[in-house]
């Protein structure tokens, strides 16, 4: 299935994976607040919506649970 994914889609998936990894790294720190972590991610990746970050994390988690992404 990877061969049918466009170059743009691969870049989007890679960006979403990076956002998810950064989010998990921030949240895993003791005493961290999820909202503040999302604010840091929003600033870093130039997003204006918290819900976009939440949705990205949810999509990545679903892909990982389905086994479609390593």
PDB file of N, CA and C in Angstrom:
ATOM      1  N   UNK A   1       0.820  -1.189   0.000  1.00  0.00           N
ATOM      2  CA  UNK A   1       0.000   0.000   0.000  1.00  0.00           C
ATOM      3  C   UNK A   1       0.863   1.253   0.000  1.00  0.00           C
ATOM      4  N   UNK A   2       2.061   1.152   0.491  1.00  0.00           N
ATOM      5  CA  UNK A   2       2.941   2.308   0.567  1.00  0.00           C
ATOM      6  C   UNK A   2       3.255   2.867  -0.816  1.00  0.00           C
ATOM      7  N   UNK A   3       3.239   2.025  -1.844  1.00  0.00           N
ATOM      8  CA  UNK A   3       3.561   2.490  -3.187  1.00  0.00           C
ATOM      9  C   UNK A   3       2.453   3.361  -3.772  1.00  0.00           C
ATOM     10  N   UNK A   4       1.242   3.270  -3.236  1.00  0.00           N
ATOM     11  CA  UNK A   4       0.142   4.072  -3.756  1.00  0.00           C
ATOM     12  C   UNK A   4       0.019   5.424  -3.066  1.00  0.00           C
ATOM     13  N   UNK A   5       0.824   5.658  -2.053  1.00  0.00           N
ATOM     14  CA  UNK A   5       0.772   6.923  -1.325  1.00  0.00           C
ATOM     15  C   UNK A   5       1.581   7.969  -2.085  1.00  0.00           C
ATOM     16  N   UNK A   6       0.996   9.133  -2.246  1.00  0.00           N
ATOM     17  CA  UNK A   6       1.679  10.207  -2.963  1.00  0.00           C
ATOM     18  C   UNK A   6       2.798  10.806  -2.111  1.00  0.00           C
ATOM     19  N   UNK A   7       3.628  11.573  -2.755  1.00  0.00           N
ATOM     20  CA  UNK A   7       4.734  12.220  -2.061  1.00  0.00           C
ATOM     21  C   UNK A   7       4.207  13.163  -0.973  1.00  0.00           C
ATOM     22  N   UNK A   8       3.146  13.887  -1.293  1.00  0.00           N
ATOM     23  CA  UNK A   8       2.544  14.796  -0.319  1.00  0.00           C
ATOM     24  C   UNK A   8       2.014  14.028   0.892  1.00  0.00           C
ATOM     25  N   UNK A   9       1.353  12.915   0.634  1.00  0.00           N
ATOM     26  CA  UNK A   9       0.795  12.121   1.730  1.00  0.00           C
ATOM     27  C   UNK A   9       1.902  11.550   2.615  1.00  0.00           C
ATOM     28  N   UNK A  10       3.011  11.133   2.002  1.00  0.00           N
ATOM     29  CA  UNK A  10       4.139  10.633   2.801  1.00  0.00           C
ATOM     30  C   UNK A  10       4.701  11.732   3.692  1.00  0.00           C
ATOM     31  N   UNK A  11       4.800  12.955   3.148  1.00  0.00           N
ATOM     32  CA  UNK A  11       5.292  14.076   3.946  1.00  0.00           C
ATOM     33  C   UNK A  11       4.335  14.382   5.094  1.00  0.00           C
ATOM     34  N   UNK A  12       3.042  14.313   4.819  1.00  0.00           N
ATOM     35  CA  UNK A  12       2.035  14.576   5.847  1.00  0.00           C
ATOM     36  C   UNK A  12       2.109  13.523   6.951  1.00  0.00           C
ATOM     37  N   UNK A  13       2.243  12.264   6.562  1.00  0.00           N
ATOM     38  CA  UNK A  13       2.354  11.194   7.551  1.00  0.00           C
ATOM     39  C   UNK A  13       3.610  11.364   8.403  1.00  0.00           C
ATOM     40  N   UNK A  14       4.703  11.734   7.764  1.00  0.00           N
ATOM     41  CA  UNK A  14       5.953  11.939   8.503  1.00  0.00           C
ATOM     42  C   UNK A  14       5.816  13.102   9.477  1.00  0.00           C
ATOM     43  N   UNK A  15       5.162  14.167   9.043  1.00  0.00           N
ATOM     44  CA  UNK A  15       4.948  15.323   9.920  1.00  0.00           C
ATOM     45  C   UNK A  15       4.061  14.945  11.106  1.00  0.00           C
ATOM     46  N   UNK A  16       3.006  14.184  10.835  1.00  0.00           N
ATOM     47  CA  UNK A  16       2.121  13.755  11.913  1.00  0.00           C
ATOM     48  C   UNK A  16       2.855  12.856  12.903  1.00  0.00           C
ATOM     49  N   UNK A  17       3.706  11.982  12.403  1.00  0.00           N
ATOM     50  CA  UNK A  17       4.493  11.120  13.288  1.00  0.00           C
ATOM     51  C   UNK A  17       5.426  11.963  14.156  1.00  0.00           C
ATOM     52  N   UNK A  18       6.033  12.980  13.565  1.00  0.00           N
ATOM     53  CA  UNK A  18       6.940  13.849  14.324  1.00  0.00           C
ATOM     54  C   UNK A  18       6.175  14.614  15.404  1.00  0.00           C
ATOM     55  N   UNK A  19       4.997  15.102  15.066  1.00  0.00           N
ATOM     56  CA  UNK A  19       4.169  15.812  16.046  1.00  0.00           C
ATOM     57  C   UNK A  19       3.812  14.875  17.190  1.00  0.00           C
ATOM     58  N   UNK A  20       3.423  13.658  16.853  1.00  0.00           N
ATOM     59  CA  UNK A  20       3.044  12.685  17.879  1.00  0.00           C
ATOM     60  C   UNK A  20       4.231  12.343  18.779  1.00  0.00           C
ATOM     61  N   UNK A  21       5.399  12.130  18.191  1.00  0.00           N
ATOM     62  CA  UNK A  21       6.595  11.825  18.993  1.00  0.00           C
ATOM     63  C   UNK A  21       6.937  12.981  19.926  1.00  0.00           C
ATOM     64  N   UNK A  22       6.884  14.207  19.405  1.00  0.00           N
ATOM     65  CA  UNK A  22       7.175  15.370  20.242  1.00  0.00           C
ATOM     66  C   UNK A  22       6.153  15.502  21.367  1.00  0.00           C
ATOM     67  N   UNK A  23       4.895  15.288  21.037  1.00  0.00           N
ATOM     68  CA  UNK A  23       3.835  15.373  22.050  1.00  0.00           C
ATOM     69  C   UNK A  23       4.053  14.335  23.143  1.00  0.00           C
ATOM     70  N   UNK A  24       4.337  13.106  22.749  1.00  0.00           N
ATOM     71  CA  UNK A  24       4.556  12.044  23.731  1.00  0.00           C
ATOM     72  C   UNK A  24       5.777  12.337  24.601  1.00  0.00           C
ATOM     73  N   UNK A  25       6.812  12.891  23.999  1.00  0.00           N
ATOM     74  CA  UNK A  25       8.012  13.229  24.767  1.00  0.00           C
ATOM     75  C   UNK A  25       7.704  14.310  25.802  1.00  0.00           C
ATOM     76  N   UNK A  26       6.916  15.300  25.414  1.00  0.00           N
ATOM     77  CA  UNK A  26       6.576  16.375  26.344  1.00  0.00           C
ATOM     78  C   UNK A  26       5.649  15.883  27.453  1.00  0.00           C
ATOM     79  N   UNK A  27       4.669  15.087  27.094  1.00  0.00           N
ATOM     80  CA  UNK A  27       3.682  14.613  28.069  1.00  0.00           C
ATOM     81  C   UNK A  27       4.306  13.627  29.056  1.00  0.00           C
ATOM     82  N   UNK A  28       5.306  12.900  28.622  1.00  0.00           N
ATOM     83  CA  UNK A  28       5.903  11.889  29.492  1.00  0.00           C
ATOM     84  C   UNK A  28       6.734  12.491  30.622  1.00  0.00           C
ATOM     85  N   UNK A  29       7.055  13.768  30.528  1.00  0.00           N
ATOM     86  CA  UNK A  29       7.820  14.420  31.594  1.00  0.00           C
ATOM     87  C   UNK A  29       6.948  14.537  32.844  1.00  0.00           C
ATOM     88  N   UNK A  30       7.517  14.267  34.002  1.00  0.00           N
ATOM     89  CA  UNK A  30       6.734  14.361  35.239  1.00  0.00           C
ATOM     90  C   UNK A  30       6.220  15.783  35.473  1.00  0.00           C
ATOM     91  N   UNK A  31       4.954  15.884  35.825  1.00  0.00           N
ATOM     92  CA  UNK A  31       4.363  17.179  36.135  1.00  0.00           C
ATOM     93  C   UNK A  31       3.943  17.993  34.929  1.00  0.00           C
ATOM     94  N   UNK A  32       4.025  17.418  33.751  1.00  0.00           N
ATOM     95  CA  UNK A  32       3.655  18.181  32.557  1.00  0.00           C
ATOM     96  C   UNK A  32       2.140  18.248  32.414  1.00  0.00           C
ATOM     97  N   UNK A  33       1.676  19.356  31.858  1.00  0.00           N
ATOM     98  CA  UNK A  33       0.248  19.547  31.611  1.00  0.00           C
ATOM     99  C   UNK A  33      -0.003  19.383  30.118  1.00  0.00           C
ATOM    100  N   UNK A  34      -1.023  18.619  29.776  1.00  0.00           N
ATOM    101  CA  UNK A  34      -1.288  18.321  28.369  1.00  0.00           C
ATOM    102  C   UNK A  34      -1.577  19.577  27.561  1.00  0.00           C
ATOM    103  N   UNK A  35      -2.308  20.502  28.138  1.00  0.00           N
ATOM    104  CA  UNK A  35      -2.638  21.725  27.410  1.00  0.00           C
ATOM    105  C   UNK A  35      -1.381  22.532  27.106  1.00  0.00           C
ATOM    106  N   UNK A  36      -0.490  22.624  28.065  1.00  0.00           N
ATOM    107  CA  UNK A  36       0.760  23.352  27.845  1.00  0.00           C
ATOM    108  C   UNK A  36       1.623  22.639  26.810  1.00  0.00           C
ATOM    109  N   UNK A  37       1.609  21.320  26.837  1.00  0.00           N
ATOM    110  CA  UNK A  37       2.370  20.548  25.848  1.00  0.00           C
ATOM    111  C   UNK A  37       1.827  20.797  24.448  1.00  0.00           C
ATOM    112  N   UNK A  38       0.516  20.845  24.327  1.00  0.00           N
ATOM    113  CA  UNK A  38      -0.099  21.116  23.027  1.00  0.00           C
ATOM    114  C   UNK A  38       0.264  22.524  22.563  1.00  0.00           C
ATOM    115  N   UNK A  39       0.312  23.472  23.487  1.00  0.00           N
ATOM    116  CA  UNK A  39       0.704  24.838  23.122  1.00  0.00           C
ATOM    117  C   UNK A  39       2.119  24.874  22.546  1.00  0.00           C
ATOM    118  N   UNK A  40       3.020  24.110  23.137  1.00  0.00           N
ATOM    119  CA  UNK A  40       4.398  24.051  22.641  1.00  0.00           C
ATOM    120  C   UNK A  40       4.424  23.460  21.231  1.00  0.00           C
ATOM    121  N   UNK A  41       3.671  22.396  21.029  1.00  0.00           N
ATOM    122  CA  UNK A  41       3.606  21.759  19.710  1.00  0.00           C
ATOM    123  C   UNK A  41       2.999  22.714  18.685  1.00  0.00           C
ATOM    124  N   UNK A  42       1.946  23.420  19.084  1.00  0.00           N
ATOM    125  CA  UNK A  42       1.308  24.378  18.173  1.00  0.00           C
ATOM    126  C   UNK A  42       2.299  25.446  17.725  1.00  0.00           C
ATOM    127  N   UNK A  43       3.078  25.930  18.654  1.00  0.00           N
ATOM    128  CA  UNK A  43       4.071  26.962  18.331  1.00  0.00           C
ATOM    129  C   UNK A  43       5.156  26.403  17.407  1.00  0.00           C
ATOM    130  N   UNK A  44       5.620  25.211  17.718  1.00  0.00           N
ATOM    131  CA  UNK A  44       6.717  24.617  16.950  1.00  0.00           C
ATOM    132  C   UNK A  44       6.311  24.315  15.511  1.00  0.00           C
ATOM    133  N   UNK A  45       5.106  23.778  15.330  1.00  0.00           N
ATOM    134  CA  UNK A  45       4.665  23.354  13.999  1.00  0.00           C
ATOM    135  C   UNK A  45       3.711  24.343  13.337  1.00  0.00           C
ATOM    136  N   UNK A  46       3.549  25.506  13.934  1.00  0.00           N
ATOM    137  CA  UNK A  46       2.753  26.590  13.362  1.00  0.00           C
ATOM    138  C   UNK A  46       1.289  26.189  13.128  1.00  0.00           C
ATOM    139  N   UNK A  47       0.675  25.642  14.155  1.00  0.00           N
ATOM    140  CA  UNK A  47      -0.757  25.336  14.131  1.00  0.00           C
ATOM    141  C   UNK A  47      -1.475  26.366  14.987  1.00  0.00           C
ATOM    142  N   UNK A  48      -2.716  26.669  14.631  1.00  0.00           N
ATOM    143  CA  UNK A  48      -3.497  27.637  15.389  1.00  0.00           C
ATOM    144  C   UNK A  48      -4.634  26.990  16.168  1.00  0.00           C
ATOM    145  N   UNK A  49      -4.749  25.687  16.084  1.00  0.00           N
ATOM    146  CA  UNK A  49      -5.872  24.999  16.696  1.00  0.00           C
ATOM    147  C   UNK A  49      -5.394  23.821  17.539  1.00  0.00           C
ATOM    148  N   UNK A  50      -5.830  23.805  18.784  1.00  0.00           N
ATOM    149  CA  UNK A  50      -5.491  22.674  19.650  1.00  0.00           C
ATOM    150  C   UNK A  50      -6.122  21.389  19.135  1.00  0.00           C
ATOM    151  N   UNK A  51      -7.330  21.517  18.612  1.00  0.00           N
ATOM    152  CA  UNK A  51      -8.031  20.318  18.152  1.00  0.00           C
ATOM    153  C   UNK A  51      -7.286  19.639  17.004  1.00  0.00           C
ATOM    154  N   UNK A  52      -6.564  20.404  16.215  1.00  0.00           N
ATOM    155  CA  UNK A  52      -5.782  19.806  15.128  1.00  0.00           C
ATOM    156  C   UNK A  52      -4.708  18.883  15.701  1.00  0.00           C
ATOM    157  N   UNK A  53      -4.065  19.317  16.763  1.00  0.00           N
ATOM    158  CA  UNK A  53      -3.028  18.498  17.391  1.00  0.00           C
ATOM    159  C   UNK A  53      -3.649  17.243  17.989  1.00  0.00           C
ATOM    160  N   UNK A  54      -4.789  17.396  18.665  1.00  0.00           N
ATOM    161  CA  UNK A  54      -5.460  16.234  19.251  1.00  0.00           C
ATOM    162  C   UNK A  54      -5.850  15.230  18.166  1.00  0.00           C
ATOM    163  N   UNK A  55      -6.374  15.741  17.054  1.00  0.00           N
ATOM    164  CA  UNK A  55      -6.798  14.859  15.962  1.00  0.00           C
ATOM    165  C   UNK A  55      -5.607  14.144  15.334  1.00  0.00           C
ATOM    166  N   UNK A  56      -4.508  14.853  15.183  1.00  0.00           N
ATOM    167  CA  UNK A  56      -3.300  14.238  14.629  1.00  0.00           C
ATOM    168  C   UNK A  56      -2.837  13.106  15.539  1.00  0.00           C
ATOM    169  N   UNK A  57      -2.803  13.367  16.829  1.00  0.00           N
ATOM    170  CA  UNK A  57      -2.376  12.330  17.774  1.00  0.00           C
ATOM    171  C   UNK A  57      -3.317  11.132  17.722  1.00  0.00           C
ATOM    172  N   UNK A  58      -4.598  11.388  17.613  1.00  0.00           N
ATOM    173  CA  UNK A  58      -5.583  10.304  17.538  1.00  0.00           C
ATOM    174  C   UNK A  58      -5.374   9.479  16.261  1.00  0.00           C
ATOM    175  N   UNK A  59      -5.130  10.151  15.124  1.00  0.00           N
ATOM    176  CA  UNK A  59      -4.903   9.429  13.867  1.00  0.00           C
ATOM    177  C   UNK A  59      -3.654   8.564  13.939  1.00  0.00           C
ATOM    178  N   UNK A  60      -2.587   9.113  14.511  1.00  0.00           N
ATOM    179  CA  UNK A  60      -1.345   8.351  14.613  1.00  0.00           C
ATOM    180  C   UNK A  60      -1.545   7.144  15.525  1.00  0.00           C
ATOM    181  N   UNK A  61      -2.237   7.339  16.633  1.00  0.00           N
ATOM    182  CA  UNK A  61      -2.508   6.215  17.537  1.00  0.00           C
ATOM    183  C   UNK A  61      -3.325   5.135  16.838  1.00  0.00           C
ATOM    184  N   UNK A  62      -4.303   5.536  16.037  1.00  0.00           N
ATOM    185  CA  UNK A  62      -5.114   4.561  15.308  1.00  0.00           C
ATOM    186  C   UNK A  62      -4.272   3.807  14.285  1.00  0.00           C
ATOM    187  N   UNK A  63      -3.413   4.524  13.566  1.00  0.00           N
ATOM    188  CA  UNK A  63      -2.547   3.857  12.590  1.00  0.00           C
ATOM    189  C   UNK A  63      -1.609   2.880  13.278  1.00  0.00           C
ATOM    190  N   UNK A  64      -1.076   3.273  14.425  1.00  0.00           N
ATOM    191  CA  UNK A  64      -0.165   2.393  15.146  1.00  0.00           C
ATOM    192  C   UNK A  64      -0.892   1.168  15.694  1.00  0.00           C
ATOM    193  N   UNK A  65      -2.109   1.352  16.163  1.00  0.00           N
ATOM    194  CA  UNK A  65      -2.851   0.209  16.701  1.00  0.00           C
ATOM    195  C   UNK A  65      -3.295  -0.745  15.592  1.00  0.00           C
ATOM    196  N   UNK A  66      -3.515  -0.212  14.398  1.00  0.00           N
ATOM    197  CA  UNK A  66      -3.883  -1.061  13.258  1.00  0.00           C
ATOM    198  C   UNK A  66      -2.672  -1.737  12.639  1.00  0.00           C
ATOM    199  N   UNK A  67      -1.497  -1.254  12.976  1.00  0.00           N
ATOM    200  CA  UNK A  67      -0.281  -1.848  12.443  1.00  0.00           C
ATOM    201  C   UNK A  67       0.085  -1.360  11.061  1.00  0.00           C
ATOM    202  N   UNK A  68      -0.554  -0.305  10.591  1.00  0.00           N
ATOM    203  CA  UNK A  68      -0.248   0.183   9.252  1.00  0.00           C
ATOM    204  C   UNK A  68       1.003   1.048   9.221  1.00  0.00           C
ATOM    205  N   UNK A  69       1.445   1.516  10.382  1.00  0.00           N
ATOM    206  CA  UNK A  69       2.670   2.310  10.471  1.00  0.00           C
ATOM    207  C   UNK A  69       3.524   1.698  11.559  1.00  0.00           C
ATOM    208  N   UNK A  70       4.813   1.578  11.308  1.00  0.00           N
ATOM    209  CA  UNK A  70       5.708   0.970  12.301  1.00  0.00           C
ATOM    210  C   UNK A  70       5.822   1.793  13.531  1.00  0.00           C
TER     211      UNK A  70
END
